[in-house]
């Protein structure tokens, strides 16, 4: 069973209609957000149990659960074909090339969802999986954003190109600034792993390589922060284009 830990993760799972076995709430835990979760669970027909704090700590594997844990059926990954089929046009998909820290993965999931991405693509090997830590860090976003796991990331990139996506890789050594690219067509944003960046084969598949300008002694950004910077440049450009289209008679 997968565990969803914390108020945000459990509430979003219930709101998204996820299949949950039960919700467990700490005895004596009250408040508007907890009451909302209990009401949502009852409306969805999900059993709610009340346990003492020590039992909840054991269930969650830590004391950082905000008084609520849900047990859900194991969440399967999407197929890339299904993700592409449901994507909007212009599409926005995020590919992760070896991101191994589950907290970074969770943060990217949440940021990608907030930026309107259609989904995330991660490799099966040498990368973080869809763990409880990822779900907790994503704070419920994993219930809404499709994630495809692929055996070969380079082949997935070729498949995206065949579906008319432009591949933009983030590389701190690139001369092109991240703001110099037109993101209003279908885009697949490719992000490298912590400290390693993009693998050479992945880099070669990209149509563009871009960097984020920085000042001061720290040249590289955390991958989840970098993802947010570029994703919201995509949002800015697309909103600007849509606004201009509305103004045109």
C-alpha atoms as a PDB file:
ATOM      1  CA  UNK A   1       0.000   0.000   0.000  1.00  0.00           C
ATOM      2  CA  UNK A   2       1.088   3.584  -0.673  1.00  0.00           C
ATOM      3  CA  UNK A   3       0.900   6.043   2.186  1.00  0.00           C
ATOM      4  CA  UNK A   4      -0.170   9.640   1.749  1.00  0.00           C
ATOM      5  CA  UNK A   5       1.180  11.697   4.604  1.00  0.00           C
ATOM      6  CA  UNK A   6       0.096  15.149   5.701  1.00  0.00           C
ATOM      7  CA  UNK A   7      -2.931  17.401   5.259  1.00  0.00           C
ATOM      8  CA  UNK A   8      -2.220  18.608   1.715  1.00  0.00           C
ATOM      9  CA  UNK A   9      -1.454  15.170   0.281  1.00  0.00           C
ATOM     10  CA  UNK A  10      -4.517  13.512   1.810  1.00  0.00           C
ATOM     11  CA  UNK A  11      -6.890  16.352   0.971  1.00  0.00           C
ATOM     12  CA  UNK A  12      -5.777  16.502  -2.672  1.00  0.00           C
ATOM     13  CA  UNK A  13      -6.077  12.733  -3.027  1.00  0.00           C
ATOM     14  CA  UNK A  14      -9.645  12.858  -1.732  1.00  0.00           C
ATOM     15  CA  UNK A  15     -10.508  15.836  -3.932  1.00  0.00           C
ATOM     16  CA  UNK A  16      -9.114  14.010  -6.977  1.00  0.00           C
ATOM     17  CA  UNK A  17     -11.211  10.931  -6.253  1.00  0.00           C
ATOM     18  CA  UNK A  18      -8.230   8.666  -5.584  1.00  0.00           C
ATOM     19  CA  UNK A  19      -9.023   5.131  -4.435  1.00  0.00           C
ATOM     20  CA  UNK A  20      -8.179   5.086  -0.726  1.00  0.00           C
ATOM     21  CA  UNK A  21      -8.488   2.169   1.661  1.00  0.00           C
ATOM     22  CA  UNK A  22      -8.829   4.398   4.721  1.00  0.00           C
ATOM     23  CA  UNK A  23      -7.892   7.711   6.300  1.00  0.00           C
ATOM     24  CA  UNK A  24      -6.301   7.664   9.742  1.00  0.00           C
ATOM     25  CA  UNK A  25      -6.532  10.753  11.958  1.00  0.00           C
ATOM     26  CA  UNK A  26      -4.726  11.361  15.246  1.00  0.00           C
ATOM     27  CA  UNK A  27      -7.051  11.257  18.260  1.00  0.00           C
ATOM     28  CA  UNK A  28      -7.726  14.732  19.598  1.00  0.00           C
ATOM     29  CA  UNK A  29      -6.578  16.398  16.363  1.00  0.00           C
ATOM     30  CA  UNK A  30      -9.027  19.138  15.392  1.00  0.00           C
ATOM     31  CA  UNK A  31      -9.163  22.168  13.173  1.00  0.00           C
ATOM     32  CA  UNK A  32     -10.874  23.322  10.010  1.00  0.00           C
ATOM     33  CA  UNK A  33      -8.547  21.463   7.625  1.00  0.00           C
ATOM     34  CA  UNK A  34      -8.830  18.174   9.520  1.00  0.00           C
ATOM     35  CA  UNK A  35     -12.622  18.493   9.632  1.00  0.00           C
ATOM     36  CA  UNK A  36     -12.635  19.138   5.884  1.00  0.00           C
ATOM     37  CA  UNK A  37     -10.644  15.931   5.283  1.00  0.00           C
ATOM     38  CA  UNK A  38     -13.010  13.907   7.477  1.00  0.00           C
ATOM     39  CA  UNK A  39     -16.039  15.315   5.641  1.00  0.00           C
ATOM     40  CA  UNK A  40     -14.456  14.680   2.209  1.00  0.00           C
ATOM     41  CA  UNK A  41     -13.609  11.105   3.187  1.00  0.00           C
ATOM     42  CA  UNK A  42     -17.117  10.382   4.390  1.00  0.00           C
ATOM     43  CA  UNK A  43     -18.606  11.856   1.209  1.00  0.00           C
ATOM     44  CA  UNK A  44     -16.315   9.621  -0.848  1.00  0.00           C
ATOM     45  CA  UNK A  45     -17.180   6.573   1.221  1.00  0.00           C
ATOM     46  CA  UNK A  46     -13.627   6.268   2.566  1.00  0.00           C
ATOM     47  CA  UNK A  47     -13.459   4.857   6.131  1.00  0.00           C
ATOM     48  CA  UNK A  48     -11.978   7.225   8.739  1.00  0.00           C
ATOM     49  CA  UNK A  49     -10.212   5.783  11.761  1.00  0.00           C
ATOM     50  CA  UNK A  50      -8.912   7.608  14.812  1.00  0.00           C
ATOM     51  CA  UNK A  51      -5.659   6.343  16.334  1.00  0.00           C
ATOM     52  CA  UNK A  52      -3.390   7.619  19.065  1.00  0.00           C
ATOM     53  CA  UNK A  53      -0.360   9.698  18.106  1.00  0.00           C
ATOM     54  CA  UNK A  54       2.154   6.861  18.627  1.00  0.00           C
ATOM     55  CA  UNK A  55       0.262   4.526  16.286  1.00  0.00           C
ATOM     56  CA  UNK A  56       0.092   7.263  13.651  1.00  0.00           C
ATOM     57  CA  UNK A  57       3.837   7.880  13.987  1.00  0.00           C
ATOM     58  CA  UNK A  58       4.493   4.190  13.335  1.00  0.00           C
ATOM     59  CA  UNK A  59       2.108   4.125  10.377  1.00  0.00           C
ATOM     60  CA  UNK A  60       3.687   7.220   8.802  1.00  0.00           C
ATOM     61  CA  UNK A  61       7.246   6.193   9.657  1.00  0.00           C
ATOM     62  CA  UNK A  62       7.866   9.603  11.230  1.00  0.00           C
ATOM     63  CA  UNK A  63       6.224  12.196  13.452  1.00  0.00           C
ATOM     64  CA  UNK A  64       5.880  14.695  10.580  1.00  0.00           C
ATOM     65  CA  UNK A  65       2.380  13.781   9.421  1.00  0.00           C
ATOM     66  CA  UNK A  66       0.247  16.721  10.675  1.00  0.00           C
ATOM     67  CA  UNK A  67      -2.099  14.243  12.318  1.00  0.00           C
ATOM     68  CA  UNK A  68      -3.396  12.535   9.168  1.00  0.00           C
ATOM     69  CA  UNK A  69      -2.323   9.583   6.986  1.00  0.00           C
ATOM     70  CA  UNK A  70      -4.180   7.829   4.173  1.00  0.00           C
ATOM     71  CA  UNK A  71      -3.554   4.375   2.748  1.00  0.00           C
ATOM     72  CA  UNK A  72      -3.989   4.051  -1.005  1.00  0.00           C
ATOM     73  CA  UNK A  73      -3.586   1.326  -3.580  1.00  0.00           C
ATOM     74  CA  UNK A  74      -0.205   1.330  -5.327  1.00  0.00           C
ATOM     75  CA  UNK A  75      -0.141   4.047  -7.983  1.00  0.00           C
ATOM     76  CA  UNK A  76       0.914   2.833 -11.404  1.00  0.00           C
ATOM     77  CA  UNK A  77       2.846   4.939 -13.881  1.00  0.00           C
ATOM     78  CA  UNK A  78       1.360   6.039 -17.180  1.00  0.00           C
ATOM     79  CA  UNK A  79       2.502   4.913 -20.611  1.00  0.00           C
ATOM     80  CA  UNK A  80       4.099   7.699 -22.641  1.00  0.00           C
ATOM     81  CA  UNK A  81       1.593   7.089 -25.463  1.00  0.00           C
ATOM     82  CA  UNK A  82      -1.327   7.690 -23.079  1.00  0.00           C
ATOM     83  CA  UNK A  83       0.290  10.830 -21.717  1.00  0.00           C
ATOM     84  CA  UNK A  84       0.757  12.206 -25.253  1.00  0.00           C
ATOM     85  CA  UNK A  85      -2.814  11.333 -26.175  1.00  0.00           C
ATOM     86  CA  UNK A  86      -4.275  13.376 -23.309  1.00  0.00           C
ATOM     87  CA  UNK A  87      -1.854  16.323 -23.662  1.00  0.00           C
ATOM     88  CA  UNK A  88      -3.171  19.744 -24.589  1.00  0.00           C
ATOM     89  CA  UNK A  89      -1.977  21.665 -27.647  1.00  0.00           C
ATOM     90  CA  UNK A  90       0.438  23.269 -27.389  1.00  0.00           C
ATOM     91  CA  UNK A  91       1.743  20.587 -25.066  1.00  0.00           C
ATOM     92  CA  UNK A  92       4.123  20.944 -22.135  1.00  0.00           C
ATOM     93  CA  UNK A  93       5.903  17.854 -20.831  1.00  0.00           C
ATOM     94  CA  UNK A  94       8.808  17.653 -18.375  1.00  0.00           C
ATOM     95  CA  UNK A  95      11.503  14.958 -18.734  1.00  0.00           C
ATOM     96  CA  UNK A  96      13.880  14.186 -15.879  1.00  0.00           C
ATOM     97  CA  UNK A  97      17.282  12.741 -16.732  1.00  0.00           C
ATOM     98  CA  UNK A  98      18.394  10.999 -13.546  1.00  0.00           C
ATOM     99  CA  UNK A  99      16.831  13.065 -10.735  1.00  0.00           C
ATOM    100  CA  UNK A 100      17.487  10.807  -7.742  1.00  0.00           C
ATOM    101  CA  UNK A 101      16.366  12.901  -4.769  1.00  0.00           C
ATOM    102  CA  UNK A 102      12.682  12.128  -4.042  1.00  0.00           C
ATOM    103  CA  UNK A 103      12.144  15.572  -2.519  1.00  0.00           C
ATOM    104  CA  UNK A 104      13.377  17.222  -5.692  1.00  0.00           C
ATOM    105  CA  UNK A 105      11.073  14.978  -7.711  1.00  0.00           C
ATOM    106  CA  UNK A 106       8.120  15.843  -5.489  1.00  0.00           C
ATOM    107  CA  UNK A 107       8.859  19.567  -5.751  1.00  0.00           C
ATOM    108  CA  UNK A 108       9.105  19.329  -9.550  1.00  0.00           C
ATOM    109  CA  UNK A 109       5.775  17.461  -9.716  1.00  0.00           C
ATOM    110  CA  UNK A 110       4.060  20.246  -7.775  1.00  0.00           C
ATOM    111  CA  UNK A 111       5.715  23.026  -9.801  1.00  0.00           C
ATOM    112  CA  UNK A 112       4.956  21.316 -13.119  1.00  0.00           C
ATOM    113  CA  UNK A 113       1.290  20.965 -12.180  1.00  0.00           C
ATOM    114  CA  UNK A 114       1.106  24.625 -11.150  1.00  0.00           C
ATOM    115  CA  UNK A 115       2.628  25.596 -14.527  1.00  0.00           C
ATOM    116  CA  UNK A 116      -0.017  23.623 -16.413  1.00  0.00           C
ATOM    117  CA  UNK A 117       2.263  20.810 -17.605  1.00  0.00           C
ATOM    118  CA  UNK A 118       0.541  17.810 -19.181  1.00  0.00           C
ATOM    119  CA  UNK A 119       2.790  15.286 -17.488  1.00  0.00           C
ATOM    120  CA  UNK A 120       6.203  14.147 -16.352  1.00  0.00           C
ATOM    121  CA  UNK A 121       8.504  11.501 -17.861  1.00  0.00           C
ATOM    122  CA  UNK A 122      11.097   9.710 -15.735  1.00  0.00           C
ATOM    123  CA  UNK A 123      13.403   6.766 -16.491  1.00  0.00           C
ATOM    124  CA  UNK A 124      12.925   3.439 -14.731  1.00  0.00           C
ATOM    125  CA  UNK A 125      16.594   3.192 -13.706  1.00  0.00           C
ATOM    126  CA  UNK A 126      18.933   5.550 -11.844  1.00  0.00           C
ATOM    127  CA  UNK A 127      16.114   7.856 -10.855  1.00  0.00           C
ATOM    128  CA  UNK A 128      13.772   8.424  -7.931  1.00  0.00           C
ATOM    129  CA  UNK A 129      10.549   6.427  -8.070  1.00  0.00           C
ATOM    130  CA  UNK A 130       7.055   7.447  -6.996  1.00  0.00           C
ATOM    131  CA  UNK A 131       7.642   6.955  -3.282  1.00  0.00           C
ATOM    132  CA  UNK A 132       5.816   8.198  -0.197  1.00  0.00           C
ATOM    133  CA  UNK A 133       8.405  10.980   0.157  1.00  0.00           C
ATOM    134  CA  UNK A 134       7.670  12.139  -3.385  1.00  0.00           C
ATOM    135  CA  UNK A 135       3.927  12.149  -2.712  1.00  0.00           C
ATOM    136  CA  UNK A 136       4.370  14.016   0.566  1.00  0.00           C
ATOM    137  CA  UNK A 137       6.657  16.666  -0.969  1.00  0.00           C
ATOM    138  CA  UNK A 138       4.301  17.080  -3.930  1.00  0.00           C
ATOM    139  CA  UNK A 139       1.558  17.816  -1.367  1.00  0.00           C
ATOM    140  CA  UNK A 140      -1.225  16.223  -3.400  1.00  0.00           C
ATOM    141  CA  UNK A 141      -0.031  17.230  -6.881  1.00  0.00           C
ATOM    142  CA  UNK A 142       0.874  13.632  -7.737  1.00  0.00           C
ATOM    143  CA  UNK A 143      -2.834  12.822  -7.761  1.00  0.00           C
ATOM    144  CA  UNK A 144      -3.372  15.262 -10.637  1.00  0.00           C
ATOM    145  CA  UNK A 145      -0.207  15.101 -12.772  1.00  0.00           C
ATOM    146  CA  UNK A 146       0.363  11.982 -14.933  1.00  0.00           C
ATOM    147  CA  UNK A 147       3.845  10.480 -14.617  1.00  0.00           C
ATOM    148  CA  UNK A 148       5.190   8.115 -17.292  1.00  0.00           C
ATOM    149  CA  UNK A 149       8.122   5.800 -16.520  1.00  0.00           C
ATOM    150  CA  UNK A 150      10.168   4.772 -19.555  1.00  0.00           C
ATOM    151  CA  UNK A 151      12.943   2.223 -20.060  1.00  0.00           C
ATOM    152  CA  UNK A 152      14.939   4.458 -22.388  1.00  0.00           C
ATOM    153  CA  UNK A 153      14.770   8.233 -22.061  1.00  0.00           C
ATOM    154  CA  UNK A 154      16.462   8.876 -25.416  1.00  0.00           C
ATOM    155  CA  UNK A 155      13.829   6.805 -27.213  1.00  0.00           C
ATOM    156  CA  UNK A 156      11.127   8.708 -25.353  1.00  0.00           C
ATOM    157  CA  UNK A 157      12.682  11.943 -26.617  1.00  0.00           C
ATOM    158  CA  UNK A 158      12.621  10.596 -30.181  1.00  0.00           C
ATOM    159  CA  UNK A 159       8.953   9.722 -29.709  1.00  0.00           C
ATOM    160  CA  UNK A 160       8.223  13.248 -28.505  1.00  0.00           C
ATOM    161  CA  UNK A 161       9.980  14.711 -31.541  1.00  0.00           C
ATOM    162  CA  UNK A 162       7.864  12.498 -33.784  1.00  0.00           C
ATOM    163  CA  UNK A 163       4.813  13.987 -32.023  1.00  0.00           C
ATOM    164  CA  UNK A 164       5.977  17.519 -32.954  1.00  0.00           C
ATOM    165  CA  UNK A 165       7.498  18.496 -29.631  1.00  0.00           C
ATOM    166  CA  UNK A 166      10.588  20.704 -29.460  1.00  0.00           C
ATOM    167  CA  UNK A 167      13.079  19.480 -26.847  1.00  0.00           C
ATOM    168  CA  UNK A 168      14.671  22.141 -24.645  1.00  0.00           C
ATOM    169  CA  UNK A 169      17.452  20.970 -22.323  1.00  0.00           C
ATOM    170  CA  UNK A 170      18.596  22.954 -19.305  1.00  0.00           C
ATOM    171  CA  UNK A 171      22.413  23.105 -19.170  1.00  0.00           C
ATOM    172  CA  UNK A 172      24.304  25.650 -17.072  1.00  0.00           C
ATOM    173  CA  UNK A 173      27.077  25.725 -19.726  1.00  0.00           C
ATOM    174  CA  UNK A 174      24.747  26.699 -22.577  1.00  0.00           C
ATOM    175  CA  UNK A 175      25.278  30.095 -24.194  1.00  0.00           C
ATOM    176  CA  UNK A 176      21.562  30.584 -24.949  1.00  0.00           C
ATOM    177  CA  UNK A 177      19.561  32.120 -22.105  1.00  0.00           C
ATOM    178  CA  UNK A 178      16.349  30.396 -21.058  1.00  0.00           C
ATOM    179  CA  UNK A 179      14.378  33.518 -22.030  1.00  0.00           C
ATOM    180  CA  UNK A 180      15.689  33.434 -25.616  1.00  0.00           C
ATOM    181  CA  UNK A 181      13.555  30.472 -26.730  1.00  0.00           C
ATOM    182  CA  UNK A 182      10.002  30.545 -28.078  1.00  0.00           C
ATOM    183  CA  UNK A 183       7.975  28.240 -25.811  1.00  0.00           C
ATOM    184  CA  UNK A 184       4.593  28.793 -27.434  1.00  0.00           C
ATOM    185  CA  UNK A 185       4.794  25.593 -29.526  1.00  0.00           C
ATOM    186  CA  UNK A 186       4.641  22.108 -27.940  1.00  0.00           C
ATOM    187  CA  UNK A 187       7.660  21.856 -25.642  1.00  0.00           C
ATOM    188  CA  UNK A 188       9.370  19.064 -23.725  1.00  0.00           C
ATOM    189  CA  UNK A 189      11.620  20.500 -21.026  1.00  0.00           C
ATOM    190  CA  UNK A 190      14.561  18.220 -20.179  1.00  0.00           C
ATOM    191  CA  UNK A 191      16.220  18.532 -16.754  1.00  0.00           C
ATOM    192  CA  UNK A 192      19.360  16.744 -15.594  1.00  0.00           C
ATOM    193  CA  UNK A 193      20.086  15.069 -12.278  1.00  0.00           C
ATOM    194  CA  UNK A 194      21.551  16.632  -9.152  1.00  0.00           C
ATOM    195  CA  UNK A 195      25.184  17.618  -9.666  1.00  0.00           C
ATOM    196  CA  UNK A 196      25.507  15.690 -12.945  1.00  0.00           C
ATOM    197  CA  UNK A 197      23.277  17.575 -15.314  1.00  0.00           C
ATOM    198  CA  UNK A 198      22.228  16.071 -18.622  1.00  0.00           C
ATOM    199  CA  UNK A 199      23.835  12.883 -19.883  1.00  0.00           C
ATOM    200  CA  UNK A 200      25.642  13.281 -23.201  1.00  0.00           C
ATOM    201  CA  UNK A 201      23.150  11.213 -25.216  1.00  0.00           C
ATOM    202  CA  UNK A 202      20.268  13.159 -23.729  1.00  0.00           C
ATOM    203  CA  UNK A 203      21.987  16.462 -24.440  1.00  0.00           C
ATOM    204  CA  UNK A 204      22.500  15.543 -28.103  1.00  0.00           C
ATOM    205  CA  UNK A 205      18.782  14.826 -28.536  1.00  0.00           C
ATOM    206  CA  UNK A 206      17.794  18.332 -27.456  1.00  0.00           C
ATOM    207  CA  UNK A 207      16.845  20.887 -30.096  1.00  0.00           C
ATOM    208  CA  UNK A 208      18.048  23.701 -27.838  1.00  0.00           C
ATOM    209  CA  UNK A 209      20.209  23.941 -24.743  1.00  0.00           C
ATOM    210  CA  UNK A 210      19.557  26.884 -22.439  1.00  0.00           C
ATOM    211  CA  UNK A 211      20.974  28.220 -19.185  1.00  0.00           C
ATOM    212  CA  UNK A 212      19.608  30.395 -16.388  1.00  0.00           C
ATOM    213  CA  UNK A 213      21.769  33.458 -15.681  1.00  0.00           C
ATOM    214  CA  UNK A 214      22.994  33.698 -12.094  1.00  0.00           C
ATOM    215  CA  UNK A 215      25.029  36.223 -10.117  1.00  0.00           C
ATOM    216  CA  UNK A 216      27.298  35.610  -7.170  1.00  0.00           C
ATOM    217  CA  UNK A 217      29.516  32.627  -6.347  1.00  0.00           C
ATOM    218  CA  UNK A 218      26.854  29.923  -6.783  1.00  0.00           C
ATOM    219  CA  UNK A 219      26.563  29.118 -10.500  1.00  0.00           C
ATOM    220  CA  UNK A 220      24.070  26.256 -10.459  1.00  0.00           C
ATOM    221  CA  UNK A 221      20.545  26.085  -9.071  1.00  0.00           C
ATOM    222  CA  UNK A 222      18.778  23.190  -7.409  1.00  0.00           C
ATOM    223  CA  UNK A 223      17.004  21.223 -10.153  1.00  0.00           C
ATOM    224  CA  UNK A 224      13.543  21.849  -8.696  1.00  0.00           C
ATOM    225  CA  UNK A 225      14.219  25.606  -8.509  1.00  0.00           C
ATOM    226  CA  UNK A 226      15.569  25.625 -12.070  1.00  0.00           C
ATOM    227  CA  UNK A 227      12.474  23.761 -13.230  1.00  0.00           C
ATOM    228  CA  UNK A 228      10.275  26.461 -11.736  1.00  0.00           C
ATOM    229  CA  UNK A 229      12.230  29.287 -13.388  1.00  0.00           C
ATOM    230  CA  UNK A 230      11.916  27.806 -16.885  1.00  0.00           C
ATOM    231  CA  UNK A 231       8.376  26.458 -16.506  1.00  0.00           C
ATOM    232  CA  UNK A 232       7.043  29.859 -15.537  1.00  0.00           C
ATOM    233  CA  UNK A 233       8.847  31.461 -18.455  1.00  0.00           C
ATOM    234  CA  UNK A 234       6.782  29.066 -20.566  1.00  0.00           C
ATOM    235  CA  UNK A 235       3.655  30.214 -18.726  1.00  0.00           C
ATOM    236  CA  UNK A 236       4.566  33.888 -19.207  1.00  0.00           C
ATOM    237  CA  UNK A 237       5.116  33.532 -22.950  1.00  0.00           C
ATOM    238  CA  UNK A 238       1.939  31.555 -23.517  1.00  0.00           C
ATOM    239  CA  UNK A 239      -0.208  33.946 -21.471  1.00  0.00           C
ATOM    240  CA  UNK A 240       1.294  36.897 -23.343  1.00  0.00           C
ATOM    241  CA  UNK A 241       0.565  35.268 -26.709  1.00  0.00           C
ATOM    242  CA  UNK A 242      -2.999  34.453 -25.652  1.00  0.00           C
ATOM    243  CA  UNK A 243      -3.545  38.049 -24.494  1.00  0.00           C
ATOM    244  CA  UNK A 244      -2.295  39.434 -27.815  1.00  0.00           C
ATOM    245  CA  UNK A 245      -4.567  37.045 -29.708  1.00  0.00           C
ATOM    246  CA  UNK A 246      -7.572  38.329 -27.736  1.00  0.00           C
ATOM    247  CA  UNK A 247      -6.646  41.928 -28.540  1.00  0.00           C
ATOM    248  CA  UNK A 248      -6.389  41.263 -32.279  1.00  0.00           C
ATOM    249  CA  UNK A 249      -9.673  42.173 -34.018  1.00  0.00           C
END
